[in-house]
Every structure is written in structure tokens, then in C-alpha cells.
Amino acid sequence: MTDQALLEMKDVTVEYVTQGQRFDAVLGITLDIAEGETLGLVGESGCGKSTISRAIIQLPSPTSGSVKFRGRELTGLSQKDIRPLRRDFQIIFQDPISSLNPRRRVNDIVAEPLIIAGVKDKMEIDRKVREVLKAVGMDPTVTLDRRAHQFSGGQCQRICIARALIMEPKLIVCDEPVSALDVSIQAQILNLLEDMKERYGLTLLFISHDLAVVKNVSDRVAVMYLGKICELAESEKIYAAPAHPYTAGLIATIPEIDRGRQSNDIGKPLRGEIPSPLNPPSGCRFRTRCPEAQEKCSEEEPNLKKLEDSHVVACHFPPV
């Protein structure tokens, strides 16, 4: 990992309209990802993780804020101008089966990015398709002419990874790439992503609601709640000493093989349901579920503040 930021997001807000009401799906997100790093992004369903992933790749562009890739502003670029840049950042979607066209063969699915990019040499396309399928553990001789419904979920995810890799991108956004898979298959895909990161020199944004998964693959972890970042720290630090009650609550829900450790060693399990983004709580958005909430939490929204190097938290009363 280097200190140079490959991707920079500053004050990114994405607004949607539903039931005739405008609301912020994500609000004021500021993040950076260093080249060669894996940044984990975690939070419960509905907190805005997938919205961030789409804002990065400009599908659609954020309502406001800045997204820079290698120092170049992406927000506001036309489709014509951003298309050449998309070679360097790709996405792996959450559902591997529905993200593959059921009417097309694997050969066409994996080759499509090359064709869109203007590669016309059929022998070169075939060589690259076979090479990337082998890299993700799929035998081209039995894979190329088959369709998605003829594969398992894990095999479909490998095909999705191959499609993302064929352009040799610098950044891959992994939007919950293992959540739809069995636990044993999850381990295979996670190991594959680690191998591909090493082999291709990738930078990863790894999105998940499962902190146990994120812990094993991330250099740093950002925790989201109701559209905002509430804590960001190095992976080992955030699991050993979480500074936000929400982070501690998520960690408390991780099953432990060690029967000697109690779930409340780090934090109390989460209670209640995540509020609607159409009507978020006043002050701290987590206060309605926080066991440590005080009067100030309902009156004033906490800003991210630094506890120590590379560890920031948005909480009025973080542990000393």
C-alpha cells in the first residue's frame, strides 16, 4: 500500500425521490482509498453502501460533492468523456446470477468490455478471455459456450470477477460479492479476490454487512450508519477497540468460536431497527438505538473527529 490516494471522495451526497419526498441516501461522505489498499465499507442493509459504490462509478453521478480518480474529477463528465476512464475502475455486483445476461454465452459476457473499449482483434480477445477465466479458476474449454444458468452461484461470481478483471483495472468496487453465496463458497471467492489483488496489483473497495468477512480482507474499515460515516480506522484497531457504539454493537454480533469470550466484552448487541432515511433522528442518527445516548446527542449532530492517527469517529462521547 502507498500513501498516494487512487480514489478521493469529498462531501458526496446522493439524493433520491420516493413517495414524492426527497431524501439523502448518503450525506457528506468523505473517503479516500490509497493505491494497493483494500478499504472495507460496512453497515446494515439500507445504510447507503451500494449507493456509494454506484456514485464512485458514476451510475448515476452523485447529487453533489467530488469524486476524483487519480486526481481527475469524475463528477459531471459526459458519458463520452467518462467511458475511457471506466477501463480503470470496475464493479462486481451483489447478485452474481442476475448480473449476468441469461441469453448470452460466457465468452460474450467476459469479452464485452474489450469490445466496448474498441478492441477488434478477435484472436487477442479470445486470448484475453481464456487467460482471465483460467486466472479465476474456470476451464475455458468447458465454460466459453455455456450460459449463466448452467453454473452455480460461486461459478457465476467467478465469471463476474473475470469480466471485471479483463480490462486490467486499477480499482474494483466489490458490492457485497459473497453475501448471496454459501459460507464455504464465500471463503473460495474471498481467497480468489486476495489472489487477484496480488496478481494484478488491484485496489479494492470491499462492501459488506458482515464485519467478520471484512476483517479478513481489509486494511482499513469505514463504518456507515443511515447514510453517514460514523467511524474509520485500521482494521485491527477498529476490531480491538471500536470507538463508536454502533461499531461495537456490530462487533458484538459476530459469532465467536472461543466460548470463553462473552459477546459483551467489546460492546452491547444492537437493539431496535434502523430508522427510515425519509425521517432520520435529530442530532446523532444513532441515538435512538444507542445505549450511551445523552441529551446532547438529540440536539447536536456529531462530526468526525480524530482520536489518533488514521482513527476518526463521529460520536460526542467516545471512550477515552
C-alpha atoms as a PDB file:
ATOM      1  CA  MET A   1       0.000   0.000   0.000  1.00  0.00           C
ATOM      2  CA  THR A   2       1.205   3.504  -0.832  1.00  0.00           C
ATOM      3  CA  ASP A   3       0.263   6.899   0.590  1.00  0.00           C
ATOM      4  CA  GLN A   4      -0.978   8.125  -2.774  1.00  0.00           C
ATOM      5  CA  ALA A   5      -4.784   8.324  -2.981  1.00  0.00           C
ATOM      6  CA  LEU A   6      -6.128   6.479  -6.008  1.00  0.00           C
ATOM      7  CA  LEU A   7      -9.728   7.472  -5.291  1.00  0.00           C
ATOM      8  CA  GLU A   8     -10.903  10.549  -3.399  1.00  0.00           C
ATOM      9  CA  MET A   9     -14.492  11.287  -2.380  1.00  0.00           C
ATOM     10  CA  LYS A  10     -15.280  14.631  -0.760  1.00  0.00           C
ATOM     11  CA  ASP A  11     -18.663  15.706   0.648  1.00  0.00           C
ATOM     12  CA  VAL A  12     -20.527  13.286  -1.632  1.00  0.00           C
ATOM     13  CA  THR A  13     -24.302  13.421  -1.314  1.00  0.00           C
ATOM     14  CA  VAL A  14     -26.792  11.337  -3.273  1.00  0.00           C
ATOM     15  CA  GLU A  15     -30.458  12.300  -3.194  1.00  0.00           C
ATOM     16  CA  TYR A  16     -33.416  10.170  -4.246  1.00  0.00           C
ATOM     17  CA  VAL A  17     -37.124  10.916  -4.500  1.00  0.00           C
ATOM     18  CA  THR A  18     -39.663   8.406  -3.208  1.00  0.00           C
ATOM     19  CA  GLN A  19     -43.318   8.832  -2.313  1.00  0.00           C
ATOM     20  CA  GLY A  20     -42.978  12.402  -3.532  1.00  0.00           C
ATOM     21  CA  GLN A  21     -40.365  13.122  -0.866  1.00  0.00           C
ATOM     22  CA  ARG A  22     -36.715  13.957  -1.455  1.00  0.00           C
ATOM     23  CA  PHE A  23     -34.191  12.382   0.915  1.00  0.00           C
ATOM     24  CA  ASP A  24     -30.450  11.837   1.229  1.00  0.00           C
ATOM     25  CA  ALA A  25     -29.414   8.227   0.655  1.00  0.00           C
ATOM     26  CA  VAL A  26     -25.857   9.232   1.576  1.00  0.00           C
ATOM     27  CA  LEU A  27     -24.849  12.592   3.011  1.00  0.00           C
ATOM     28  CA  GLY A  28     -21.477  14.319   3.059  1.00  0.00           C
ATOM     29  CA  ILE A  29     -19.318  11.226   2.524  1.00  0.00           C
ATOM     30  CA  THR A  30     -15.570  11.907   2.518  1.00  0.00           C
ATOM     31  CA  LEU A  31     -13.289   8.935   1.885  1.00  0.00           C
ATOM     32  CA  ASP A  32     -10.029   8.152   0.156  1.00  0.00           C
ATOM     33  CA  ILE A  33      -8.528   4.851  -0.942  1.00  0.00           C
ATOM     34  CA  ALA A  34      -4.777   4.521  -1.311  1.00  0.00           C
ATOM     35  CA  GLU A  35      -3.327   2.663  -4.260  1.00  0.00           C
ATOM     36  CA  GLY A  36      -2.937  -1.020  -3.412  1.00  0.00           C
ATOM     37  CA  GLU A  37      -5.238  -0.785  -0.381  1.00  0.00           C
ATOM     38  CA  THR A  38      -8.381  -2.717   0.477  1.00  0.00           C
ATOM     39  CA  LEU A  39     -10.917  -0.480   2.196  1.00  0.00           C
ATOM     40  CA  GLY A  40     -13.832  -2.258   3.854  1.00  0.00           C
ATOM     41  CA  LEU A  41     -17.195  -0.477   3.984  1.00  0.00           C
ATOM     42  CA  VAL A  42     -19.674  -1.994   6.438  1.00  0.00           C
ATOM     43  CA  GLY A  43     -23.126  -1.291   7.817  1.00  0.00           C
ATOM     44  CA  GLU A  44     -26.624  -2.677   7.975  1.00  0.00           C
ATOM     45  CA  SER A  45     -28.815  -3.049   4.886  1.00  0.00           C
ATOM     46  CA  GLY A  46     -30.208   0.283   3.768  1.00  0.00           C
ATOM     47  CA  CYS A  47     -27.395   2.440   5.154  1.00  0.00           C
ATOM     48  CA  GLY A  48     -26.203   3.575   1.715  1.00  0.00           C
ATOM     49  CA  LYS A  49     -23.266   1.268   0.945  1.00  0.00           C
ATOM     50  CA  SER A  50     -24.410   0.340  -2.571  1.00  0.00           C
ATOM     51  CA  THR A  51     -25.312   3.962  -3.267  1.00  0.00           C
ATOM     52  CA  ILE A  52     -21.680   4.887  -2.603  1.00  0.00           C
ATOM     53  CA  SER A  53     -20.467   2.147  -4.940  1.00  0.00           C
ATOM     54  CA  ARG A  54     -22.618   3.497  -7.762  1.00  0.00           C
ATOM     55  CA  ALA A  55     -21.617   7.098  -7.047  1.00  0.00           C
ATOM     56  CA  ILE A  56     -17.969   6.102  -7.474  1.00  0.00           C
ATOM     57  CA  ILE A  57     -18.534   4.623 -10.915  1.00  0.00           C
ATOM     58  CA  GLN A  58     -20.964   7.455 -11.792  1.00  0.00           C
ATOM     59  CA  LEU A  59     -24.045   5.274 -12.229  1.00  0.00           C
ATOM     60  CA  PRO A  60     -25.569   7.711 -11.532  1.00  0.00           C
ATOM     61  CA  SER A  61     -23.387  10.682 -10.639  1.00  0.00           C
ATOM     62  CA  PRO A  62     -23.814  11.981  -7.083  1.00  0.00           C
ATOM     63  CA  THR A  63     -26.145  14.912  -6.483  1.00  0.00           C
ATOM     64  CA  SER A  64     -23.267  16.977  -5.082  1.00  0.00           C
ATOM     65  CA  GLY A  65     -19.682  16.569  -3.978  1.00  0.00           C
ATOM     66  CA  SER A  66     -16.491  15.455  -5.668  1.00  0.00           C
ATOM     67  CA  VAL A  67     -15.237  12.058  -6.845  1.00  0.00           C
ATOM     68  CA  LYS A  68     -11.680  12.035  -8.159  1.00  0.00           C
ATOM     69  CA  PHE A  69      -9.817   9.099  -9.677  1.00  0.00           C
ATOM     70  CA  ARG A  70      -6.055   9.597  -9.956  1.00  0.00           C
ATOM     71  CA  GLY A  71      -6.644  13.283  -9.378  1.00  0.00           C
ATOM     72  CA  ARG A  72      -9.176  13.666 -12.203  1.00  0.00           C
ATOM     73  CA  GLU A  73     -12.683  14.810 -11.375  1.00  0.00           C
ATOM     74  CA  LEU A  74     -15.319  12.280 -12.489  1.00  0.00           C
ATOM     75  CA  THR A  75     -18.477  14.045 -11.373  1.00  0.00           C
ATOM     76  CA  GLY A  76     -20.078  15.986 -14.187  1.00  0.00           C
ATOM     77  CA  LEU A  77     -18.232  14.249 -17.019  1.00  0.00           C
ATOM     78  CA  SER A  78     -20.305  13.261 -20.038  1.00  0.00           C
ATOM     79  CA  GLN A  79     -20.743   9.593 -20.899  1.00  0.00           C
ATOM     80  CA  LYS A  80     -18.405  10.098 -23.834  1.00  0.00           C
ATOM     81  CA  ASP A  81     -15.659  11.525 -21.620  1.00  0.00           C
ATOM     82  CA  ILE A  82     -16.014   9.037 -18.774  1.00  0.00           C
ATOM     83  CA  ARG A  83     -16.162   5.879 -20.914  1.00  0.00           C
ATOM     84  CA  PRO A  84     -12.379   5.660 -21.496  1.00  0.00           C
ATOM     85  CA  LEU A  85     -11.782   6.172 -17.757  1.00  0.00           C
ATOM     86  CA  ARG A  86     -14.062   3.280 -16.813  1.00  0.00           C
ATOM     87  CA  ARG A  87     -11.395   0.873 -18.036  1.00  0.00           C
ATOM     88  CA  ASP A  88      -9.546   1.610 -14.804  1.00  0.00           C
ATOM     89  CA  PHE A  89     -12.425   1.047 -12.357  1.00  0.00           C
ATOM     90  CA  GLN A  90     -14.878  -1.830 -12.455  1.00  0.00           C
ATOM     91  CA  ILE A  91     -17.610  -3.205 -10.193  1.00  0.00           C
ATOM     92  CA  ILE A  92     -18.610  -6.682  -9.013  1.00  0.00           C
ATOM     93  CA  PHE A  93     -22.321  -6.713  -8.210  1.00  0.00           C
ATOM     94  CA  GLN A  94     -24.019  -8.321  -5.221  1.00  0.00           C
ATOM     95  CA  ASP A  95     -26.083 -10.934  -7.082  1.00  0.00           C
ATOM     96  CA  PRO A  96     -23.795 -12.872  -9.435  1.00  0.00           C
ATOM     97  CA  ILE A  97     -26.607 -14.607 -11.309  1.00  0.00           C
ATOM     98  CA  SER A  98     -28.858 -11.637 -12.081  1.00  0.00           C
ATOM     99  CA  SER A  99     -25.841  -9.523 -13.117  1.00  0.00           C
ATOM    100  CA  LEU A 100     -25.109 -11.948 -15.989  1.00  0.00           C
ATOM    101  CA  ASN A 101     -27.204 -11.836 -19.155  1.00  0.00           C
ATOM    102  CA  PRO A 102     -29.011 -15.224 -19.261  1.00  0.00           C
ATOM    103  CA  ARG A 103     -29.222 -15.166 -23.066  1.00  0.00           C
ATOM    104  CA  ARG A 104     -25.511 -14.698 -23.709  1.00  0.00           C
ATOM    105  CA  ARG A 105     -22.678 -17.182 -23.544  1.00  0.00           C
ATOM    106  CA  VAL A 106     -19.803 -16.742 -21.117  1.00  0.00           C
ATOM    107  CA  ASN A 107     -17.428 -15.961 -23.978  1.00  0.00           C
ATOM    108  CA  ASP A 108     -19.547 -12.964 -24.998  1.00  0.00           C
ATOM    109  CA  ILE A 109     -20.140 -11.795 -21.416  1.00  0.00           C
ATOM    110  CA  VAL A 110     -16.452 -11.713 -20.484  1.00  0.00           C
ATOM    111  CA  ALA A 111     -15.351 -10.281 -23.847  1.00  0.00           C
ATOM    112  CA  GLU A 112     -17.924  -7.467 -23.889  1.00  0.00           C
ATOM    113  CA  PRO A 113     -15.793  -4.866 -22.005  1.00  0.00           C
ATOM    114  CA  LEU A 114     -12.990  -5.323 -24.536  1.00  0.00           C
ATOM    115  CA  ILE A 115     -15.377  -4.897 -27.452  1.00  0.00           C
ATOM    116  CA  ILE A 116     -16.926  -1.772 -25.929  1.00  0.00           C
ATOM    117  CA  ALA A 117     -13.404  -0.408 -25.420  1.00  0.00           C
ATOM    118  CA  GLY A 118     -12.766  -0.801 -29.164  1.00  0.00           C
ATOM    119  CA  VAL A 119     -10.584  -3.934 -29.283  1.00  0.00           C
ATOM    120  CA  LYS A 120     -11.230  -5.562 -32.679  1.00  0.00           C
ATOM    121  CA  ASP A 121      -8.592  -8.285 -32.946  1.00  0.00           C
ATOM    122  CA  LYS A 122     -10.625 -11.472 -32.417  1.00  0.00           C
ATOM    123  CA  MET A 123      -7.546 -13.549 -31.610  1.00  0.00           C
ATOM    124  CA  GLU A 124      -6.459 -11.034 -28.983  1.00  0.00           C
ATOM    125  CA  ILE A 125      -9.946 -11.000 -27.456  1.00  0.00           C
ATOM    126  CA  ASP A 126     -10.067 -14.798 -27.337  1.00  0.00           C
ATOM    127  CA  ARG A 127      -6.618 -14.957 -25.757  1.00  0.00           C
ATOM    128  CA  LYS A 128      -7.515 -12.492 -23.030  1.00  0.00           C
ATOM    129  CA  VAL A 129     -10.856 -14.143 -22.286  1.00  0.00           C
ATOM    130  CA  ARG A 130      -9.222 -17.540 -21.879  1.00  0.00           C
ATOM    131  CA  GLU A 131      -6.412 -16.090 -19.790  1.00  0.00           C
ATOM    132  CA  VAL A 132      -8.711 -14.327 -17.330  1.00  0.00           C
ATOM    133  CA  LEU A 133     -11.049 -17.322 -16.999  1.00  0.00           C
ATOM    134  CA  LYS A 134      -8.078 -19.510 -16.119  1.00  0.00           C
ATOM    135  CA  ALA A 135      -6.966 -16.888 -13.579  1.00  0.00           C
ATOM    136  CA  VAL A 136     -10.295 -17.153 -11.724  1.00  0.00           C
ATOM    137  CA  GLY A 137     -10.258 -20.946 -11.779  1.00  0.00           C
ATOM    138  CA  MET A 138     -12.640 -21.622 -14.691  1.00  0.00           C
ATOM    139  CA  ASP A 139     -11.723 -24.010 -17.504  1.00  0.00           C
ATOM    140  CA  PRO A 140     -12.282 -22.129 -20.789  1.00  0.00           C
ATOM    141  CA  THR A 141     -12.796 -25.318 -22.788  1.00  0.00           C
ATOM    142  CA  VAL A 142     -15.953 -26.176 -20.826  1.00  0.00           C
ATOM    143  CA  THR A 143     -17.027 -22.632 -19.921  1.00  0.00           C
ATOM    144  CA  LEU A 144     -16.939 -20.423 -23.003  1.00  0.00           C
ATOM    145  CA  ASP A 145     -20.024 -21.782 -24.798  1.00  0.00           C
ATOM    146  CA  ARG A 146     -22.240 -22.177 -21.739  1.00  0.00           C
ATOM    147  CA  ARG A 147     -24.759 -19.742 -20.233  1.00  0.00           C
ATOM    148  CA  ALA A 148     -25.135 -18.430 -16.695  1.00  0.00           C
ATOM    149  CA  HIS A 149     -27.970 -20.782 -15.672  1.00  0.00           C
ATOM    150  CA  GLN A 150     -25.631 -23.737 -16.220  1.00  0.00           C
ATOM    151  CA  PHE A 151     -23.339 -22.630 -13.368  1.00  0.00           C
ATOM    152  CA  SER A 152     -23.558 -22.475  -9.587  1.00  0.00           C
ATOM    153  CA  GLY A 153     -23.657 -19.170  -7.726  1.00  0.00           C
ATOM    154  CA  GLY A 154     -19.959 -19.396  -6.896  1.00  0.00           C
ATOM    155  CA  GLN A 155     -19.048 -20.124 -10.516  1.00  0.00           C
ATOM    156  CA  CYS A 156     -21.187 -17.189 -11.683  1.00  0.00           C
ATOM    157  CA  GLN A 157     -19.333 -14.906  -9.269  1.00  0.00           C
ATOM    158  CA  ARG A 158     -16.018 -16.118 -10.701  1.00  0.00           C
ATOM    159  CA  ILE A 159     -17.302 -15.184 -14.164  1.00  0.00           C
ATOM    160  CA  CYS A 160     -18.284 -11.740 -12.845  1.00  0.00           C
ATOM    161  CA  ILE A 161     -14.781 -11.315 -11.419  1.00  0.00           C
ATOM    162  CA  ALA A 162     -13.293 -12.368 -14.763  1.00  0.00           C
ATOM    163  CA  ARG A 163     -15.443  -9.767 -16.537  1.00  0.00           C
ATOM    164  CA  ALA A 164     -14.210  -7.089 -14.110  1.00  0.00           C
ATOM    165  CA  LEU A 165     -10.563  -8.113 -14.490  1.00  0.00           C
ATOM    166  CA  ILE A 166     -10.356  -8.354 -18.255  1.00  0.00           C
ATOM    167  CA  MET A 167      -9.791  -4.603 -18.636  1.00  0.00           C
ATOM    168  CA  GLU A 168      -6.911  -4.821 -16.120  1.00  0.00           C
ATOM    169  CA  PRO A 169      -8.435  -2.092 -13.909  1.00  0.00           C
ATOM    170  CA  LYS A 170      -6.692  -0.321 -11.056  1.00  0.00           C
ATOM    171  CA  LEU A 171      -9.765  -0.245  -8.784  1.00  0.00           C
ATOM    172  CA  ILE A 172     -12.528  -2.800  -8.288  1.00  0.00           C
ATOM    173  CA  VAL A 173     -15.630  -1.974  -6.270  1.00  0.00           C
ATOM    174  CA  CYS A 174     -16.886  -5.197  -4.682  1.00  0.00           C
ATOM    175  CA  ASP A 175     -20.537  -4.634  -3.746  1.00  0.00           C
ATOM    176  CA  GLU A 176     -21.275  -7.461  -1.272  1.00  0.00           C
ATOM    177  CA  PRO A 177     -19.690 -10.026  -3.618  1.00  0.00           C
ATOM    178  CA  VAL A 178     -20.185 -13.002  -1.271  1.00  0.00           C
ATOM    179  CA  SER A 179     -23.470 -12.232   0.509  1.00  0.00           C
ATOM    180  CA  ALA A 180     -25.539 -14.420  -1.849  1.00  0.00           C
ATOM    181  CA  LEU A 181     -23.207 -17.423  -1.531  1.00  0.00           C
ATOM    182  CA  ASP A 182     -22.873 -20.374   0.851  1.00  0.00           C
ATOM    183  CA  VAL A 183     -20.262 -19.976   3.580  1.00  0.00           C
ATOM    184  CA  SER A 184     -17.848 -22.487   2.029  1.00  0.00           C
ATOM    185  CA  ILE A 185     -18.117 -20.729  -1.352  1.00  0.00           C
ATOM    186  CA  GLN A 186     -17.643 -17.352   0.331  1.00  0.00           C
ATOM    187  CA  ALA A 187     -14.220 -18.468   1.530  1.00  0.00           C
ATOM    188  CA  GLN A 188     -13.250 -19.521  -2.000  1.00  0.00           C
ATOM    189  CA  ILE A 189     -14.292 -16.176  -3.500  1.00  0.00           C
ATOM    190  CA  LEU A 190     -12.544 -14.188  -0.759  1.00  0.00           C
ATOM    191  CA  ASN A 191      -9.336 -16.156  -1.321  1.00  0.00           C
ATOM    192  CA  LEU A 192      -9.716 -15.609  -5.058  1.00  0.00           C
ATOM    193  CA  LEU A 193     -10.056 -11.846  -4.602  1.00  0.00           C
ATOM    194  CA  GLU A 194      -6.930 -11.789  -2.458  1.00  0.00           C
ATOM    195  CA  ASP A 195      -5.033 -13.768  -5.097  1.00  0.00           C
ATOM    196  CA  MET A 196      -6.271 -11.464  -7.869  1.00  0.00           C
ATOM    197  CA  LYS A 197      -5.310  -8.394  -5.857  1.00  0.00           C
ATOM    198  CA  GLU A 198      -1.761  -9.696  -5.554  1.00  0.00           C
ATOM    199  CA  ARG A 199      -1.536 -10.863  -9.153  1.00  0.00           C
ATOM    200  CA  TYR A 200      -2.990  -7.755 -10.840  1.00  0.00           C
ATOM    201  CA  GLY A 201      -1.945  -5.107  -8.301  1.00  0.00           C
ATOM    202  CA  LEU A 202      -5.544  -4.169  -7.545  1.00  0.00           C
ATOM    203  CA  THR A 203      -7.055  -1.638  -5.189  1.00  0.00           C
ATOM    204  CA  LEU A 204     -10.349  -2.805  -3.668  1.00  0.00           C
ATOM    205  CA  LEU A 205     -13.384  -1.206  -2.056  1.00  0.00           C
ATOM    206  CA  PHE A 206     -14.982  -4.168  -0.307  1.00  0.00           C
ATOM    207  CA  ILE A 207     -18.607  -3.567   0.722  1.00  0.00           C
ATOM    208  CA  SER A 208     -20.376  -5.897   3.145  1.00  0.00           C
ATOM    209  CA  HIS A 209     -22.786  -6.007   6.076  1.00  0.00           C
ATOM    210  CA  ASP A 210     -20.688  -8.783   7.636  1.00  0.00           C
ATOM    211  CA  LEU A 211     -17.846  -7.468   9.791  1.00  0.00           C
ATOM    212  CA  ALA A 212     -16.350 -10.941  10.158  1.00  0.00           C
ATOM    213  CA  VAL A 213     -15.843 -11.085   6.383  1.00  0.00           C
ATOM    214  CA  VAL A 214     -14.486  -7.547   6.141  1.00  0.00           C
ATOM    215  CA  LYS A 215     -11.980  -8.136   8.942  1.00  0.00           C
ATOM    216  CA  ASN A 216     -10.175 -10.800   6.937  1.00  0.00           C
ATOM    217  CA  VAL A 217      -9.709  -8.798   3.743  1.00  0.00           C
ATOM    218  CA  SER A 218      -9.409  -5.097   4.666  1.00  0.00           C
ATOM    219  CA  ASP A 219      -6.517  -2.809   5.551  1.00  0.00           C
ATOM    220  CA  ARG A 220      -8.902  -0.145   6.849  1.00  0.00           C
ATOM    221  CA  VAL A 221     -12.607  -0.251   7.696  1.00  0.00           C
ATOM    222  CA  ALA A 222     -15.231   2.505   7.341  1.00  0.00           C
ATOM    223  CA  VAL A 223     -18.493   2.007   9.241  1.00  0.00           C
ATOM    224  CA  MET A 224     -21.700   3.547   7.863  1.00  0.00           C
ATOM    225  CA  TYR A 225     -24.972   4.279   9.597  1.00  0.00           C
ATOM    226  CA  LEU A 226     -28.018   5.792   7.909  1.00  0.00           C
ATOM    227  CA  GLY A 227     -26.111   7.425   5.066  1.00  0.00           C
ATOM    228  CA  LYS A 228     -23.105   8.758   7.008  1.00  0.00           C
ATOM    229  CA  ILE A 229     -19.668   7.530   8.068  1.00  0.00           C
ATOM    230  CA  CYS A 230     -19.562   7.076  11.840  1.00  0.00           C
ATOM    231  CA  GLU A 231     -16.088   5.532  12.257  1.00  0.00           C
ATOM    232  CA  LEU A 232     -12.967   4.896  10.185  1.00  0.00           C
ATOM    233  CA  ALA A 233      -9.794   3.141  11.335  1.00  0.00           C
ATOM    234  CA  GLU A 234      -7.266   0.457  10.514  1.00  0.00           C
ATOM    235  CA  SER A 235      -8.841  -2.983  10.535  1.00  0.00           C
ATOM    236  CA  GLU A 236      -7.057  -4.378  13.587  1.00  0.00           C
ATOM    237  CA  LYS A 237      -7.672  -1.192  15.561  1.00  0.00           C
ATOM    238  CA  ILE A 238     -11.367  -0.985  14.862  1.00  0.00           C
ATOM    239  CA  TYR A 239     -11.970  -4.589  15.914  1.00  0.00           C
ATOM    240  CA  ALA A 240      -9.797  -4.394  19.013  1.00  0.00           C
ATOM    241  CA  ALA A 241     -11.021  -1.017  20.279  1.00  0.00           C
ATOM    242  CA  PRO A 242     -14.104   0.356  18.484  1.00  0.00           C
ATOM    243  CA  ALA A 243     -14.807   3.981  19.396  1.00  0.00           C
ATOM    244  CA  HIS A 244     -18.425   4.225  18.226  1.00  0.00           C
ATOM    245  CA  PRO A 245     -21.280   2.360  19.989  1.00  0.00           C
ATOM    246  CA  TYR A 246     -22.647   1.263  16.612  1.00  0.00           C
ATOM    247  CA  THR A 247     -19.343  -0.309  15.599  1.00  0.00           C
ATOM    248  CA  ALA A 248     -19.130  -2.025  18.988  1.00  0.00           C
ATOM    249  CA  GLY A 249     -22.670  -3.323  18.551  1.00  0.00           C
ATOM    250  CA  LEU A 250     -21.879  -4.774  15.145  1.00  0.00           C
ATOM    251  CA  ILE A 251     -18.763  -6.476  16.509  1.00  0.00           C
ATOM    252  CA  ALA A 252     -20.775  -7.910  19.410  1.00  0.00           C
ATOM    253  CA  THR A 253     -22.962  -9.774  16.907  1.00  0.00           C
ATOM    254  CA  ILE A 254     -20.022 -11.661  15.354  1.00  0.00           C
ATOM    255  CA  PRO A 255     -20.237 -15.349  16.385  1.00  0.00           C
ATOM    256  CA  GLU A 256     -17.242 -16.445  18.444  1.00  0.00           C
ATOM    257  CA  ILE A 257     -15.782 -19.934  18.353  1.00  0.00           C
ATOM    258  CA  ASP A 258     -13.977 -19.166  21.598  1.00  0.00           C
ATOM    259  CA  ARG A 259     -16.652 -19.983  24.192  1.00  0.00           C
ATOM    260  CA  GLY A 260     -14.644 -18.219  26.860  1.00  0.00           C
ATOM    261  CA  ARG A 261     -15.303 -14.816  25.330  1.00  0.00           C
ATOM    262  CA  GLN A 262     -18.632 -13.153  26.026  1.00  0.00           C
ATOM    263  CA  SER A 263     -20.346 -11.035  23.385  1.00  0.00           C
ATOM    264  CA  ASN A 264     -20.376  -8.012  25.698  1.00  0.00           C
ATOM    265  CA  ASP A 265     -16.587  -7.947  26.065  1.00  0.00           C
ATOM    266  CA  ILE A 266     -16.468  -5.154  23.450  1.00  0.00           C
ATOM    267  CA  GLY A 267     -19.995  -3.800  23.158  1.00  0.00           C
ATOM    268  CA  LYS A 268     -23.679  -4.410  23.621  1.00  0.00           C
ATOM    269  CA  PRO A 269     -25.647  -6.076  20.792  1.00  0.00           C
ATOM    270  CA  LEU A 270     -27.684  -3.692  18.668  1.00  0.00           C
ATOM    271  CA  ARG A 271     -31.302  -3.096  19.595  1.00  0.00           C
ATOM    272  CA  GLY A 272     -34.220  -1.779  17.589  1.00  0.00           C
ATOM    273  CA  GLU A 273     -34.486  -1.126  13.876  1.00  0.00           C
ATOM    274  CA  ILE A 274     -32.614   1.298  11.659  1.00  0.00           C
ATOM    275  CA  PRO A 275     -34.755   4.460  11.230  1.00  0.00           C
ATOM    276  CA  SER A 276     -36.170   5.479   7.865  1.00  0.00           C
ATOM    277  CA  PRO A 277     -33.874   7.747   5.828  1.00  0.00           C
ATOM    278  CA  LEU A 278     -37.019   9.715   4.965  1.00  0.00           C
ATOM    279  CA  ASN A 279     -37.170  10.890   8.578  1.00  0.00           C
ATOM    280  CA  PRO A 280     -33.789  10.463  10.312  1.00  0.00           C
ATOM    281  CA  PRO A 281     -33.499  11.269  14.041  1.00  0.00           C
ATOM    282  CA  SER A 282     -32.371  14.718  15.122  1.00  0.00           C
ATOM    283  CA  GLY A 283     -28.806  15.152  16.294  1.00  0.00           C
ATOM    284  CA  CYS A 284     -26.881  11.894  16.222  1.00  0.00           C
ATOM    285  CA  ARG A 285     -28.574   9.499  13.834  1.00  0.00           C
ATOM    286  CA  PHE A 286     -27.719   6.522  16.021  1.00  0.00           C
ATOM    287  CA  ARG A 287     -29.064   7.961  19.278  1.00  0.00           C
ATOM    288  CA  THR A 288     -32.415   6.117  19.124  1.00  0.00           C
ATOM    289  CA  ARG A 289     -30.546   2.808  19.385  1.00  0.00           C
ATOM    290  CA  CYS A 290     -27.518   3.898  21.392  1.00  0.00           C
ATOM    291  CA  PRO A 291     -27.128   2.596  24.976  1.00  0.00           C
ATOM    292  CA  GLU A 292     -24.915   5.602  25.796  1.00  0.00           C
ATOM    293  CA  ALA A 293     -27.165   8.362  24.367  1.00  0.00           C
ATOM    294  CA  GLN A 294     -27.437  11.619  26.322  1.00  0.00           C
ATOM    295  CA  GLU A 295     -29.350  14.878  25.861  1.00  0.00           C
ATOM    296  CA  LYS A 296     -26.610  16.410  23.728  1.00  0.00           C
ATOM    297  CA  CYS A 297     -26.973  13.535  21.244  1.00  0.00           C
ATOM    298  CA  SER A 298     -30.527  14.627  20.349  1.00  0.00           C
ATOM    299  CA  GLU A 299     -29.598  18.279  19.978  1.00  0.00           C
ATOM    300  CA  GLU A 300     -26.319  18.267  18.082  1.00  0.00           C
ATOM    301  CA  GLU A 301     -25.069  16.072  15.250  1.00  0.00           C
ATOM    302  CA  PRO A 302     -21.505  14.859  15.890  1.00  0.00           C
ATOM    303  CA  ASN A 303     -18.830  15.468  13.279  1.00  0.00           C
ATOM    304  CA  LEU A 304     -15.975  13.122  12.504  1.00  0.00           C
ATOM    305  CA  LYS A 305     -13.035  13.880  14.769  1.00  0.00           C
ATOM    306  CA  LYS A 306      -9.603  12.330  15.052  1.00  0.00           C
ATOM    307  CA  LEU A 307      -8.853  10.166  18.079  1.00  0.00           C
ATOM    308  CA  GLU A 308      -5.379   9.247  16.873  1.00  0.00           C
ATOM    309  CA  ASP A 309      -3.574   8.728  13.585  1.00  0.00           C
ATOM    310  CA  SER A 310      -5.898   7.128  10.990  1.00  0.00           C
ATOM    311  CA  HIS A 311      -8.734   6.677  13.537  1.00  0.00           C
ATOM    312  CA  VAL A 312     -11.727   9.033  13.299  1.00  0.00           C
ATOM    313  CA  VAL A 313     -15.165   8.776  14.885  1.00  0.00           C
ATOM    314  CA  ALA A 314     -18.435  10.734  14.871  1.00  0.00           C
ATOM    315  CA  CYS A 315     -19.524  10.461  18.488  1.00  0.00           C
ATOM    316  CA  HIS A 316     -19.989  13.015  21.279  1.00  0.00           C
ATOM    317  CA  PHE A 317     -18.857  10.560  23.957  1.00  0.00           C
ATOM    318  CA  PRO A 318     -16.267   8.161  22.529  1.00  0.00           C
ATOM    319  CA  PRO A 319     -14.349   6.033  25.046  1.00  0.00           C
ATOM    320  CA  VAL A 320     -11.223   7.738  26.342  1.00  0.00           C
END
